[in-house]
Amino acid sequence: MEELARSYCWLPTINVEIEVYAKSCKHCAEKQNNPPKCSISWTEKPIPWYRLHIDHAEPFMGSYFLILVDTYSKWLESKIVLSLSRKTTIKHLREIFSRLELPAVVVSYNGTATNGV
């Protein structure tokens, strides 16, 4: 809540004001120790390395990062890549999958690469 508020405005006492408001909110107090449970989709199996999310991170010191995250275990794999091309991405994915195993589902946001072919 504090992070969201700070993205819209800045006040010196914003964190304190939000904490005071949240502590006095009846609805917040009811949900504080009992957050709603998120059920697993029928298509997603609760096993490691079943569903992965992949993306390229922004350039840092001339390199990009290919990042994979397992949705179940939160296992993170990261590779430094010099290009966002399909060839480079596939090469690194093959290396990771040969070491760990082939996932059932790979999720990507389908963005276009700016320096890749």
PDB file of N, CA and C in Angstrom:
ATOM      1  N   MET A   1       0.834  -1.177   0.000  1.00  0.00           N
ATOM      2  CA  MET A   1       0.000   0.000   0.000  1.00  0.00           C
ATOM      3  C   MET A   1       0.885   1.249   0.000  1.00  0.00           C
ATOM      4  N   GLU A   2       1.947   1.225   0.814  1.00  0.00           N
ATOM      5  CA  GLU A   2       2.845   2.374   0.883  1.00  0.00           C
ATOM      6  C   GLU A   2       3.556   2.587  -0.449  1.00  0.00           C
ATOM      7  N   GLU A   3       4.004   1.502  -1.055  1.00  0.00           N
ATOM      8  CA  GLU A   3       4.702   1.603  -2.331  1.00  0.00           C
ATOM      9  C   GLU A   3       3.783   2.162  -3.417  1.00  0.00           C
ATOM     10  N   LEU A   4       2.539   1.707  -3.431  1.00  0.00           N
ATOM     11  CA  LEU A   4       1.576   2.204  -4.410  1.00  0.00           C
ATOM     12  C   LEU A   4       1.316   3.696  -4.196  1.00  0.00           C
ATOM     13  N   ALA A   5       1.142   4.105  -2.967  1.00  0.00           N
ATOM     14  CA  ALA A   5       0.898   5.519  -2.672  1.00  0.00           C
ATOM     15  C   ALA A   5       2.095   6.369  -3.085  1.00  0.00           C
ATOM     16  N   ARG A   6       3.313   5.886  -2.819  1.00  0.00           N
ATOM     17  CA  ARG A   6       4.505   6.644  -3.183  1.00  0.00           C
ATOM     18  C   ARG A   6       4.666   6.778  -4.688  1.00  0.00           C
ATOM     19  N   SER A   7       4.078   5.852  -5.456  1.00  0.00           N
ATOM     20  CA  SER A   7       4.178   5.966  -6.913  1.00  0.00           C
ATOM     21  C   SER A   7       3.307   7.100  -7.449  1.00  0.00           C
ATOM     22  N   TYR A   8       2.356   7.586  -6.633  1.00  0.00           N
ATOM     23  CA  TYR A   8       1.479   8.681  -7.059  1.00  0.00           C
ATOM     24  C   TYR A   8       1.869  10.032  -6.478  1.00  0.00           C
ATOM     25  N   CYS A   9       2.403  10.046  -5.278  1.00  0.00           N
ATOM     26  CA  CYS A   9       2.749  11.318  -4.648  1.00  0.00           C
ATOM     27  C   CYS A   9       3.812  11.096  -3.578  1.00  0.00           C
ATOM     28  N   TRP A  10       4.344  12.213  -3.057  1.00  0.00           N
ATOM     29  CA  TRP A  10       5.336  12.112  -1.985  1.00  0.00           C
ATOM     30  C   TRP A  10       4.957  13.081  -0.878  1.00  0.00           C
ATOM     31  N   LEU A  11       4.940  12.560   0.323  1.00  0.00           N
ATOM     32  CA  LEU A  11       4.744  13.364   1.523  1.00  0.00           C
ATOM     33  C   LEU A  11       5.747  12.870   2.553  1.00  0.00           C
ATOM     34  N   PRO A  12       6.284  13.748   3.377  1.00  0.00           N
ATOM     35  CA  PRO A  12       7.283  13.304   4.354  1.00  0.00           C
ATOM     36  C   PRO A  12       6.753  12.254   5.322  1.00  0.00           C
ATOM     37  N   THR A  13       5.462  12.287   5.617  1.00  0.00           N
ATOM     38  CA  THR A  13       4.898  11.367   6.613  1.00  0.00           C
ATOM     39  C   THR A  13       3.973  10.325   5.988  1.00  0.00           C
ATOM     40  N   ILE A  14       4.143  10.044   4.682  1.00  0.00           N
ATOM     41  CA  ILE A  14       3.201   9.161   3.997  1.00  0.00           C
ATOM     42  C   ILE A  14       3.164   7.757   4.601  1.00  0.00           C
ATOM     43  N   ASN A  15       4.321   7.199   4.969  1.00  0.00           N
ATOM     44  CA  ASN A  15       4.341   5.846   5.538  1.00  0.00           C
ATOM     45  C   ASN A  15       3.597   5.797   6.871  1.00  0.00           C
ATOM     46  N   VAL A  16       3.834   6.774   7.720  1.00  0.00           N
ATOM     47  CA  VAL A  16       3.182   6.811   9.031  1.00  0.00           C
ATOM     48  C   VAL A  16       1.675   6.979   8.868  1.00  0.00           C
ATOM     49  N   GLU A  17       1.252   7.874   7.975  1.00  0.00           N
ATOM     50  CA  GLU A  17      -0.175   8.104   7.761  1.00  0.00           C
ATOM     51  C   GLU A  17      -0.873   6.849   7.237  1.00  0.00           C
ATOM     52  N   ILE A  18      -0.219   6.131   6.340  1.00  0.00           N
ATOM     53  CA  ILE A  18      -0.809   4.901   5.808  1.00  0.00           C
ATOM     54  C   ILE A  18      -0.896   3.841   6.894  1.00  0.00           C
ATOM     55  N   GLU A  19       0.125   3.711   7.727  1.00  0.00           N
ATOM     56  CA  GLU A  19       0.089   2.737   8.814  1.00  0.00           C
ATOM     57  C   GLU A  19      -1.031   3.044   9.801  1.00  0.00           C
ATOM     58  N   VAL A  20      -1.203   4.306  10.138  1.00  0.00           N
ATOM     59  CA  VAL A  20      -2.280   4.706  11.054  1.00  0.00           C
ATOM     60  C   VAL A  20      -3.636   4.392  10.427  1.00  0.00           C
ATOM     61  N   TYR A  21      -3.787   4.714   9.156  1.00  0.00           N
ATOM     62  CA  TYR A  21      -5.049   4.446   8.464  1.00  0.00           C
ATOM     63  C   TYR A  21      -5.333   2.940   8.411  1.00  0.00           C
ATOM     64  N   ALA A  22      -4.322   2.154   8.061  1.00  0.00           N
ATOM     65  CA  ALA A  22      -4.509   0.708   7.950  1.00  0.00           C
ATOM     66  C   ALA A  22      -4.851   0.079   9.303  1.00  0.00           C
ATOM     67  N   LYS A  23      -4.235   0.557  10.380  1.00  0.00           N
ATOM     68  CA  LYS A  23      -4.516   0.018  11.714  1.00  0.00           C
ATOM     69  C   LYS A  23      -5.930   0.364  12.187  1.00  0.00           C
ATOM     70  N   SER A  24      -6.482   1.463  11.695  1.00  0.00           N
ATOM     71  CA  SER A  24      -7.831   1.853  12.114  1.00  0.00           C
ATOM     72  C   SER A  24      -8.910   1.311  11.176  1.00  0.00           C
ATOM     73  N   CYS A  25      -8.521   0.664  10.099  1.00  0.00           N
ATOM     74  CA  CYS A  25      -9.472   0.144   9.114  1.00  0.00           C
ATOM     75  C   CYS A  25      -9.990  -1.223   9.568  1.00  0.00           C
ATOM     76  N   LYS A  26     -11.301  -1.337   9.728  1.00  0.00           N
ATOM     77  CA  LYS A  26     -11.908  -2.588  10.193  1.00  0.00           C
ATOM     78  C   LYS A  26     -11.683  -3.714   9.185  1.00  0.00           C
ATOM     79  N   HIS A  27     -11.867  -3.420   7.904  1.00  0.00           N
ATOM     80  CA  HIS A  27     -11.703  -4.439   6.872  1.00  0.00           C
ATOM     81  C   HIS A  27     -10.252  -4.946   6.829  1.00  0.00           C
ATOM     82  N   CYS A  28      -9.285  -4.024   6.944  1.00  0.00           N
ATOM     83  CA  CYS A  28      -7.862  -4.415   6.951  1.00  0.00           C
ATOM     84  C   CYS A  28      -7.551  -5.300   8.160  1.00  0.00           C
ATOM     85  N   ALA A  29      -8.125  -4.964   9.317  1.00  0.00           N
ATOM     86  CA  ALA A  29      -7.884  -5.734  10.540  1.00  0.00           C
ATOM     87  C   ALA A  29      -8.430  -7.153  10.403  1.00  0.00           C
ATOM     88  N   GLU A  30      -9.585  -7.306   9.744  1.00  0.00           N
ATOM     89  CA  GLU A  30     -10.165  -8.640   9.553  1.00  0.00           C
ATOM     90  C   GLU A  30      -9.299  -9.512   8.655  1.00  0.00           C
ATOM     91  N   LYS A  31      -8.686  -8.915   7.636  1.00  0.00           N
ATOM     92  CA  LYS A  31      -7.907  -9.671   6.655  1.00  0.00           C
ATOM     93  C   LYS A  31      -6.419  -9.771   6.999  1.00  0.00           C
ATOM     94  N   GLN A  32      -5.967  -9.035   8.002  1.00  0.00           N
ATOM     95  CA  GLN A  32      -4.544  -8.945   8.293  1.00  0.00           C
ATOM     96  C   GLN A  32      -3.880 -10.305   8.485  1.00  0.00           C
ATOM     97  N   ASN A  33      -4.416 -11.164   9.318  1.00  0.00           N
ATOM     98  CA  ASN A  33      -3.795 -12.467   9.586  1.00  0.00           C
ATOM     99  C   ASN A  33      -4.459 -13.598   8.820  1.00  0.00           C
ATOM    100  N   ASN A  34      -5.377 -13.260   7.923  1.00  0.00           N
ATOM    101  CA  ASN A  34      -6.090 -14.285   7.177  1.00  0.00           C
ATOM    102  C   ASN A  34      -6.250 -13.850   5.723  1.00  0.00           C
ATOM    103  N   PRO A  35      -5.151 -13.737   4.976  1.00  0.00           N
ATOM    104  CA  PRO A  35      -5.278 -13.320   3.586  1.00  0.00           C
ATOM    105  C   PRO A  35      -5.991 -14.390   2.766  1.00  0.00           C
ATOM    106  N   PRO A  36      -6.678 -13.990   1.704  1.00  0.00           N
ATOM    107  CA  PRO A  36      -7.375 -14.978   0.890  1.00  0.00           C
ATOM    108  C   PRO A  36      -6.397 -15.951   0.250  1.00  0.00           C
ATOM    109  N   LYS A  37      -6.781 -17.210   0.189  1.00  0.00           N
ATOM    110  CA  LYS A  37      -5.941 -18.242  -0.403  1.00  0.00           C
ATOM    111  C   LYS A  37      -6.139 -18.241  -1.912  1.00  0.00           C
ATOM    112  N   CYS A  38      -5.042 -18.384  -2.608  1.00  0.00           N
ATOM    113  CA  CYS A  38      -5.085 -18.444  -4.063  1.00  0.00           C
ATOM    114  C   CYS A  38      -5.044 -19.909  -4.470  1.00  0.00           C
ATOM    115  N   SER A  39      -6.035 -20.331  -5.208  1.00  0.00           N
ATOM    116  CA  SER A  39      -6.062 -21.734  -5.619  1.00  0.00           C
ATOM    117  C   SER A  39      -5.253 -21.917  -6.896  1.00  0.00           C
ATOM    118  N   ILE A  40      -4.690 -23.081  -7.051  1.00  0.00           N
ATOM    119  CA  ILE A  40      -3.907 -23.398  -8.235  1.00  0.00           C
ATOM    120  C   ILE A  40      -4.870 -23.725  -9.361  1.00  0.00           C
ATOM    121  N   SER A  41      -4.586 -23.186 -10.520  1.00  0.00           N
ATOM    122  CA  SER A  41      -5.415 -23.434 -11.692  1.00  0.00           C
ATOM    123  C   SER A  41      -5.414 -24.922 -12.017  1.00  0.00           C
ATOM    124  N   TRP A  42      -6.493 -25.396 -12.605  1.00  0.00           N
ATOM    125  CA  TRP A  42      -6.583 -26.824 -12.939  1.00  0.00           C
ATOM    126  C   TRP A  42      -5.554 -27.212 -13.986  1.00  0.00           C
ATOM    127  N   THR A  43      -5.037 -26.233 -14.737  1.00  0.00           N
ATOM    128  CA  THR A  43      -4.041 -26.546 -15.755  1.00  0.00           C
ATOM    129  C   THR A  43      -2.624 -26.556 -15.192  1.00  0.00           C
ATOM    130  N   GLU A  44      -2.459 -26.036 -13.997  1.00  0.00           N
ATOM    131  CA  GLU A  44      -1.123 -25.967 -13.408  1.00  0.00           C
ATOM    132  C   GLU A  44      -0.952 -27.044 -12.346  1.00  0.00           C
ATOM    133  N   LYS A  45       0.075 -27.844 -12.511  1.00  0.00           N
ATOM    134  CA  LYS A  45       0.351 -28.895 -11.532  1.00  0.00           C
ATOM    135  C   LYS A  45       1.282 -28.345 -10.468  1.00  0.00           C
ATOM    136  N   PRO A  46       1.026 -28.683  -9.206  1.00  0.00           N
ATOM    137  CA  PRO A  46       1.877 -28.175  -8.122  1.00  0.00           C
ATOM    138  C   PRO A  46       3.183 -28.958  -7.995  1.00  0.00           C
ATOM    139  N   ILE A  47       4.011 -28.876  -9.017  1.00  0.00           N
ATOM    140  CA  ILE A  47       5.309 -29.550  -9.003  1.00  0.00           C
ATOM    141  C   ILE A  47       6.374 -28.585  -9.523  1.00  0.00           C
ATOM    142  N   PRO A  48       7.612 -28.746  -9.084  1.00  0.00           N
ATOM    143  CA  PRO A  48       8.685 -27.870  -9.557  1.00  0.00           C
ATOM    144  C   PRO A  48       8.935 -28.030 -11.057  1.00  0.00           C
ATOM    145  N   TRP A  49       9.338 -26.939 -11.663  1.00  0.00           N
ATOM    146  CA  TRP A  49       9.760 -26.877 -13.056  1.00  0.00           C
ATOM    147  C   TRP A  49       8.656 -27.266 -14.036  1.00  0.00           C
ATOM    148  N   TYR A  50       7.396 -27.145 -13.640  1.00  0.00           N
ATOM    149  CA  TYR A  50       6.275 -27.423 -14.542  1.00  0.00           C
ATOM    150  C   TYR A  50       5.985 -26.193 -15.398  1.00  0.00           C
ATOM    151  N   ARG A  51       5.949 -25.021 -14.746  1.00  0.00           N
ATOM    152  CA  ARG A  51       5.624 -23.774 -15.435  1.00  0.00           C
ATOM    153  C   ARG A  51       6.716 -22.747 -15.149  1.00  0.00           C
ATOM    154  N   LEU A  52       7.303 -22.191 -16.225  1.00  0.00           N
ATOM    155  CA  LEU A  52       8.361 -21.197 -16.102  1.00  0.00           C
ATOM    156  C   LEU A  52       7.930 -19.882 -16.719  1.00  0.00           C
ATOM    157  N   HIS A  53       8.439 -18.814 -16.158  1.00  0.00           N
ATOM    158  CA  HIS A  53       8.267 -17.491 -16.752  1.00  0.00           C
ATOM    159  C   HIS A  53       9.637 -17.020 -17.200  1.00  0.00           C
ATOM    160  N   ILE A  54       9.715 -16.497 -18.435  1.00  0.00           N
ATOM    161  CA  ILE A  54      11.006 -16.026 -18.936  1.00  0.00           C
ATOM    162  C   ILE A  54      10.880 -14.578 -19.396  1.00  0.00           C
ATOM    163  N   ASP A  55      11.998 -13.868 -19.323  1.00  0.00           N
ATOM    164  CA  ASP A  55      12.052 -12.492 -19.793  1.00  0.00           C
ATOM    165  C   ASP A  55      13.512 -12.069 -19.906  1.00  0.00           C
ATOM    166  N   HIS A  56      13.729 -11.014 -20.657  1.00  0.00           N
ATOM    167  CA  HIS A  56      15.060 -10.403 -20.722  1.00  0.00           C
ATOM    168  C   HIS A  56      15.046  -9.162 -19.845  1.00  0.00           C
ATOM    169  N   ALA A  57      16.081  -8.997 -19.045  1.00  0.00           N
ATOM    170  CA  ALA A  57      16.203  -7.813 -18.200  1.00  0.00           C
ATOM    171  C   ALA A  57      16.835  -6.690 -19.015  1.00  0.00           C
ATOM    172  N   GLU A  58      16.650  -5.486 -18.565  1.00  0.00           N
ATOM    173  CA  GLU A  58      17.199  -4.300 -19.226  1.00  0.00           C
ATOM    174  C   GLU A  58      18.713  -4.400 -19.322  1.00  0.00           C
ATOM    175  N   PRO A  59      19.312  -3.725 -20.295  1.00  0.00           N
ATOM    176  CA  PRO A  59      20.770  -3.798 -20.438  1.00  0.00           C
ATOM    177  C   PRO A  59      21.487  -3.207 -19.228  1.00  0.00           C
ATOM    178  N   PHE A  60      22.555  -3.868 -18.844  1.00  0.00           N
ATOM    179  CA  PHE A  60      23.392  -3.414 -17.738  1.00  0.00           C
ATOM    180  C   PHE A  60      24.838  -3.604 -18.152  1.00  0.00           C
ATOM    181  N   MET A  61      25.586  -2.515 -18.256  1.00  0.00           N
ATOM    182  CA  MET A  61      26.993  -2.547 -18.654  1.00  0.00           C
ATOM    183  C   MET A  61      27.198  -3.292 -19.970  1.00  0.00           C
ATOM    184  N   GLY A  62      26.301  -3.063 -20.923  1.00  0.00           N
ATOM    185  CA  GLY A  62      26.444  -3.643 -22.251  1.00  0.00           C
ATOM    186  C   GLY A  62      25.916  -5.046 -22.416  1.00  0.00           C
ATOM    187  N   SER A  63      25.388  -5.636 -21.367  1.00  0.00           N
ATOM    188  CA  SER A  63      24.865  -7.003 -21.452  1.00  0.00           C
ATOM    189  C   SER A  63      23.402  -7.040 -21.037  1.00  0.00           C
ATOM    190  N   TYR A  64      22.717  -8.040 -21.537  1.00  0.00           N
ATOM    191  CA  TYR A  64      21.341  -8.299 -21.141  1.00  0.00           C
ATOM    192  C   TYR A  64      21.331  -9.550 -20.276  1.00  0.00           C
ATOM    193  N   PHE A  65      20.227  -9.792 -19.593  1.00  0.00           N
ATOM    194  CA  PHE A  65      20.092 -10.988 -18.777  1.00  0.00           C
ATOM    195  C   PHE A  65      18.845 -11.739 -19.196  1.00  0.00           C
ATOM    196  N   LEU A  66      19.001 -13.023 -19.462  1.00  0.00           N
ATOM    197  CA  LEU A  66      17.861 -13.901 -19.691  1.00  0.00           C
ATOM    198  C   LEU A  66      17.501 -14.469 -18.327  1.00  0.00           C
ATOM    199  N   ILE A  67      16.260 -14.254 -17.899  1.00  0.00           N
ATOM    200  CA  ILE A  67      15.848 -14.670 -16.560  1.00  0.00           C
ATOM    201  C   ILE A  67      14.698 -15.659 -16.671  1.00  0.00           C
ATOM    202  N   LEU A  68      14.809 -16.772 -15.961  1.00  0.00           N
ATOM    203  CA  LEU A  68      13.757 -17.772 -15.881  1.00  0.00           C
ATOM    204  C   LEU A  68      13.379 -17.945 -14.420  1.00  0.00           C
ATOM    205  N   VAL A  69      12.084 -18.037 -14.130  1.00  0.00           N
ATOM    206  CA  VAL A  69      11.616 -18.258 -12.762  1.00  0.00           C
ATOM    207  C   VAL A  69      10.587 -19.377 -12.781  1.00  0.00           C
ATOM    208  N   ASP A  70      10.789 -20.373 -11.928  1.00  0.00           N
ATOM    209  CA  ASP A  70       9.824 -21.454 -11.755  1.00  0.00           C
ATOM    210  C   ASP A  70       8.697 -20.955 -10.857  1.00  0.00           C
ATOM    211  N   THR A  71       7.446 -21.064 -11.321  1.00  0.00           N
ATOM    212  CA  THR A  71       6.334 -20.518 -10.536  1.00  0.00           C
ATOM    213  C   THR A  71       6.086 -21.274  -9.246  1.00  0.00           C
ATOM    214  N   TYR A  72       6.421 -22.546  -9.186  1.00  0.00           N
ATOM    215  CA  TYR A  72       6.155 -23.333  -7.986  1.00  0.00           C
ATOM    216  C   TYR A  72       7.214 -23.122  -6.913  1.00  0.00           C
ATOM    217  N   SER A  73       8.472 -23.333  -7.281  1.00  0.00           N
ATOM    218  CA  SER A  73       9.551 -23.285  -6.285  1.00  0.00           C
ATOM    219  C   SER A  73      10.200 -21.911  -6.182  1.00  0.00           C
ATOM    220  N   LYS A  74       9.918 -21.033  -7.153  1.00  0.00           N
ATOM    221  CA  LYS A  74      10.537 -19.706  -7.246  1.00  0.00           C
ATOM    222  C   LYS A  74      12.035 -19.809  -7.562  1.00  0.00           C
ATOM    223  N   TRP A  75      12.454 -20.956  -8.108  1.00  0.00           N
ATOM    224  CA  TRP A  75      13.845 -21.146  -8.508  1.00  0.00           C
ATOM    225  C   TRP A  75      14.159 -20.167  -9.625  1.00  0.00           C
ATOM    226  N   LEU A  76      15.308 -19.520  -9.541  1.00  0.00           N
ATOM    227  CA  LEU A  76      15.706 -18.504 -10.500  1.00  0.00           C
ATOM    228  C   LEU A  76      16.927 -18.972 -11.270  1.00  0.00           C
ATOM    229  N   GLU A  77      16.856 -18.870 -12.574  1.00  0.00           N
ATOM    230  CA  GLU A  77      18.012 -19.106 -13.439  1.00  0.00           C
ATOM    231  C   GLU A  77      18.254 -17.813 -14.194  1.00  0.00           C
ATOM    232  N   SER A  78      19.505 -17.410 -14.302  1.00  0.00           N
ATOM    233  CA  SER A  78      19.843 -16.181 -14.996  1.00  0.00           C
ATOM    234  C   SER A  78      21.088 -16.409 -15.843  1.00  0.00           C
ATOM    235  N   LYS A  79      21.071 -15.881 -17.057  1.00  0.00           N
ATOM    236  CA  LYS A  79      22.208 -16.004 -17.965  1.00  0.00           C
ATOM    237  C   LYS A  79      22.528 -14.634 -18.524  1.00  0.00           C
ATOM    238  N   ILE A  80      23.789 -14.296 -18.595  1.00  0.00           N
ATOM    239  CA  ILE A  80      24.208 -13.067 -19.254  1.00  0.00           C
ATOM    240  C   ILE A  80      24.217 -13.343 -20.753  1.00  0.00           C
ATOM    241  N   VAL A  81      23.526 -12.502 -21.521  1.00  0.00           N
ATOM    242  CA  VAL A  81      23.476 -12.650 -22.971  1.00  0.00           C
ATOM    243  C   VAL A  81      23.884 -11.333 -23.610  1.00  0.00           C
ATOM    244  N   LEU A  82      24.577 -11.416 -24.726  1.00  0.00           N
ATOM    245  CA  LEU A  82      25.030 -10.212 -25.415  1.00  0.00           C
ATOM    246  C   LEU A  82      24.025  -9.743 -26.461  1.00  0.00           C
ATOM    247  N   SER A  83      23.051 -10.597 -26.763  1.00  0.00           N
ATOM    248  CA  SER A  83      22.071 -10.284 -27.791  1.00  0.00           C
ATOM    249  C   SER A  83      20.687 -10.773 -27.350  1.00  0.00           C
ATOM    250  N   LEU A  84      19.656 -10.117 -27.853  1.00  0.00           N
ATOM    251  CA  LEU A  84      18.279 -10.552 -27.569  1.00  0.00           C
ATOM    252  C   LEU A  84      17.719 -11.381 -28.714  1.00  0.00           C
ATOM    253  N   SER A  85      18.566 -11.848 -29.602  1.00  0.00           N
ATOM    254  CA  SER A  85      18.101 -12.591 -30.772  1.00  0.00           C
ATOM    255  C   SER A  85      17.491 -13.927 -30.368  1.00  0.00           C
ATOM    256  N   ARG A  86      16.635 -14.427 -31.243  1.00  0.00           N
ATOM    257  CA  ARG A  86      16.018 -15.739 -30.998  1.00  0.00           C
ATOM    258  C   ARG A  86      17.075 -16.827 -30.889  1.00  0.00           C
ATOM    259  N   LYS A  87      18.085 -16.761 -31.755  1.00  0.00           N
ATOM    260  CA  LYS A  87      19.143 -17.778 -31.742  1.00  0.00           C
ATOM    261  C   LYS A  87      19.832 -17.841 -30.389  1.00  0.00           C
ATOM    262  N   THR A  88      20.199 -16.679 -29.870  1.00  0.00           N
ATOM    263  CA  THR A  88      20.881 -16.623 -28.573  1.00  0.00           C
ATOM    264  C   THR A  88      19.972 -17.119 -27.458  1.00  0.00           C
ATOM    265  N   THR A  89      18.723 -16.684 -27.472  1.00  0.00           N
ATOM    266  CA  THR A  89      17.773 -17.111 -26.438  1.00  0.00           C
ATOM    267  C   THR A  89      17.572 -18.616 -26.475  1.00  0.00           C
ATOM    268  N   ILE A  90      17.370 -19.169 -27.654  1.00  0.00           N
ATOM    269  CA  ILE A  90      17.163 -20.618 -27.790  1.00  0.00           C
ATOM    270  C   ILE A  90      18.396 -21.388 -27.328  1.00  0.00           C
ATOM    271  N   LYS A  91      19.577 -20.878 -27.669  1.00  0.00           N
ATOM    272  CA  LYS A  91      20.823 -21.540 -27.250  1.00  0.00           C
ATOM    273  C   LYS A  91      20.899 -21.641 -25.722  1.00  0.00           C
ATOM    274  N   HIS A  92      20.606 -20.548 -25.043  1.00  0.00           N
ATOM    275  CA  HIS A  92      20.687 -20.546 -23.580  1.00  0.00           C
ATOM    276  C   HIS A  92      19.557 -21.368 -22.952  1.00  0.00           C
ATOM    277  N   LEU A  93      18.376 -21.319 -23.533  1.00  0.00           N
ATOM    278  CA  LEU A  93      17.275 -22.148 -23.010  1.00  0.00           C
ATOM    279  C   LEU A  93      17.600 -23.633 -23.164  1.00  0.00           C
ATOM    280  N   ARG A  94      18.168 -24.015 -24.288  1.00  0.00           N
ATOM    281  CA  ARG A  94      18.557 -25.425 -24.477  1.00  0.00           C
ATOM    282  C   ARG A  94      19.571 -25.866 -23.425  1.00  0.00           C
ATOM    283  N   GLU A  95      20.528 -24.997 -23.141  1.00  0.00           N
ATOM    284  CA  GLU A  95      21.541 -25.331 -22.133  1.00  0.00           C
ATOM    285  C   GLU A  95      20.894 -25.508 -20.758  1.00  0.00           C
ATOM    286  N   ILE A  96      20.000 -24.602 -20.384  1.00  0.00           N
ATOM    287  CA  ILE A  96      19.338 -24.690 -19.077  1.00  0.00           C
ATOM    288  C   ILE A  96      18.444 -25.920 -19.012  1.00  0.00           C
ATOM    289  N   PHE A  97      17.652 -26.161 -20.065  1.00  0.00           N
ATOM    290  CA  PHE A  97      16.738 -27.299 -20.071  1.00  0.00           C
ATOM    291  C   PHE A  97      17.482 -28.622 -20.099  1.00  0.00           C
ATOM    292  N   SER A  98      18.644 -28.678 -20.737  1.00  0.00           N
ATOM    293  CA  SER A  98      19.410 -29.937 -20.749  1.00  0.00           C
ATOM    294  C   SER A  98      19.983 -30.234 -19.365  1.00  0.00           C
ATOM    295  N   ARG A  99      20.248 -29.174 -18.602  1.00  0.00           N
ATOM    296  CA  ARG A  99      20.793 -29.350 -17.256  1.00  0.00           C
ATOM    297  C   ARG A  99      19.703 -29.689 -16.248  1.00  0.00           C
ATOM    298  N   LEU A 100      18.545 -29.065 -16.360  1.00  0.00           N
ATOM    299  CA  LEU A 100      17.508 -29.232 -15.339  1.00  0.00           C
ATOM    300  C   LEU A 100      16.380 -30.164 -15.810  1.00  0.00           C
ATOM    301  N   GLU A 101      15.709 -29.836 -16.852  1.00  0.00           N
ATOM    302  CA  GLU A 101      14.733 -30.659 -17.565  1.00  0.00           C
ATOM    303  C   GLU A 101      13.818 -29.745 -18.351  1.00  0.00           C
ATOM    304  N   LEU A 102      13.069 -30.312 -19.248  1.00  0.00           N
ATOM    305  CA  LEU A 102      12.164 -29.546 -20.091  1.00  0.00           C
ATOM    306  C   LEU A 102      10.879 -29.251 -19.320  1.00  0.00           C
ATOM    307  N   PRO A 103      10.468 -27.981 -19.222  1.00  0.00           N
ATOM    308  CA  PRO A 103       9.225 -27.661 -18.520  1.00  0.00           C
ATOM    309  C   PRO A 103       8.020 -27.969 -19.403  1.00  0.00           C
ATOM    310  N   ALA A 104       6.855 -28.076 -18.796  1.00  0.00           N
ATOM    311  CA  ALA A 104       5.626 -28.306 -19.562  1.00  0.00           C
ATOM    312  C   ALA A 104       5.116 -27.005 -20.175  1.00  0.00           C
ATOM    313  N   VAL A 105       5.284 -25.883 -19.451  1.00  0.00           N
ATOM    314  CA  VAL A 105       4.761 -24.588 -19.898  1.00  0.00           C
ATOM    315  C   VAL A 105       5.839 -23.522 -19.726  1.00  0.00           C
ATOM    316  N   VAL A 106       6.029 -22.719 -20.768  1.00  0.00           N
ATOM    317  CA  VAL A 106       6.926 -21.567 -20.691  1.00  0.00           C
ATOM    318  C   VAL A 106       6.095 -20.332 -21.012  1.00  0.00           C
ATOM    319  N   VAL A 107       6.107 -19.370 -20.098  1.00  0.00           N
ATOM    320  CA  VAL A 107       5.308 -18.156 -20.251  1.00  0.00           C
ATOM    321  C   VAL A 107       6.229 -16.978 -20.509  1.00  0.00           C
ATOM    322  N   SER A 108       5.901 -16.218 -21.539  1.00  0.00           N
ATOM    323  CA  SER A 108       6.658 -15.027 -21.887  1.00  0.00           C
ATOM    324  C   SER A 108       5.648 -13.939 -22.225  1.00  0.00           C
ATOM    325  N   TYR A 109       6.045 -12.685 -22.102  1.00  0.00           N
ATOM    326  CA  TYR A 109       5.096 -11.623 -22.398  1.00  0.00           C
ATOM    327  C   TYR A 109       5.043 -11.296 -23.886  1.00  0.00           C
ATOM    328  N   ASN A 110       5.819 -11.988 -24.717  1.00  0.00           N
ATOM    329  CA  ASN A 110       5.817 -11.842 -26.172  1.00  0.00           C
ATOM    330  C   ASN A 110       6.215 -10.465 -26.658  1.00  0.00           C
ATOM    331  N   GLY A 111       7.085  -9.808 -25.921  1.00  0.00           N
ATOM    332  CA  GLY A 111       7.575  -8.515 -26.380  1.00  0.00           C
ATOM    333  C   GLY A 111       8.556  -8.689 -27.522  1.00  0.00           C
ATOM    334  N   THR A 112       8.727  -7.645 -28.319  1.00  0.00           N
ATOM    335  CA  THR A 112       9.674  -7.722 -29.424  1.00  0.00           C
ATOM    336  C   THR A 112      11.039  -7.290 -28.934  1.00  0.00           C
ATOM    337  N   ALA A 113      12.061  -7.959 -29.425  1.00  0.00           N
ATOM    338  CA  ALA A 113      13.428  -7.623 -29.067  1.00  0.00           C
ATOM    339  C   ALA A 113      13.865  -6.417 -29.892  1.00  0.00           C
ATOM    340  N   THR A 114      14.565  -5.492 -29.271  1.00  0.00           N
ATOM    341  CA  THR A 114      14.978  -4.279 -29.980  1.00  0.00           C
ATOM    342  C   THR A 114      16.288  -4.461 -30.730  1.00  0.00           C
ATOM    343  N   ASN A 115      17.146  -5.387 -30.282  1.00  0.00           N
ATOM    344  CA  ASN A 115      18.410  -5.565 -30.979  1.00  0.00           C
ATOM    345  C   ASN A 115      18.534  -6.962 -31.566  1.00  0.00           C
ATOM    346  N   GLY A 116      17.484  -7.732 -31.579  1.00  0.00           N
ATOM    347  CA  GLY A 116      17.573  -9.114 -32.029  1.00  0.00           C
ATOM    348  C   GLY A 116      16.979  -9.313 -33.401  1.00  0.00           C
ATOM    349  N   VAL A 117      17.298 -10.481 -33.977  1.00  0.00           N
ATOM    350  CA  VAL A 117      16.757 -10.858 -35.281  1.00  0.00           C
ATOM    351  C   VAL A 117      16.055 -12.175 -35.138  1.00  0.00           C
TER     352      VAL A 117
END
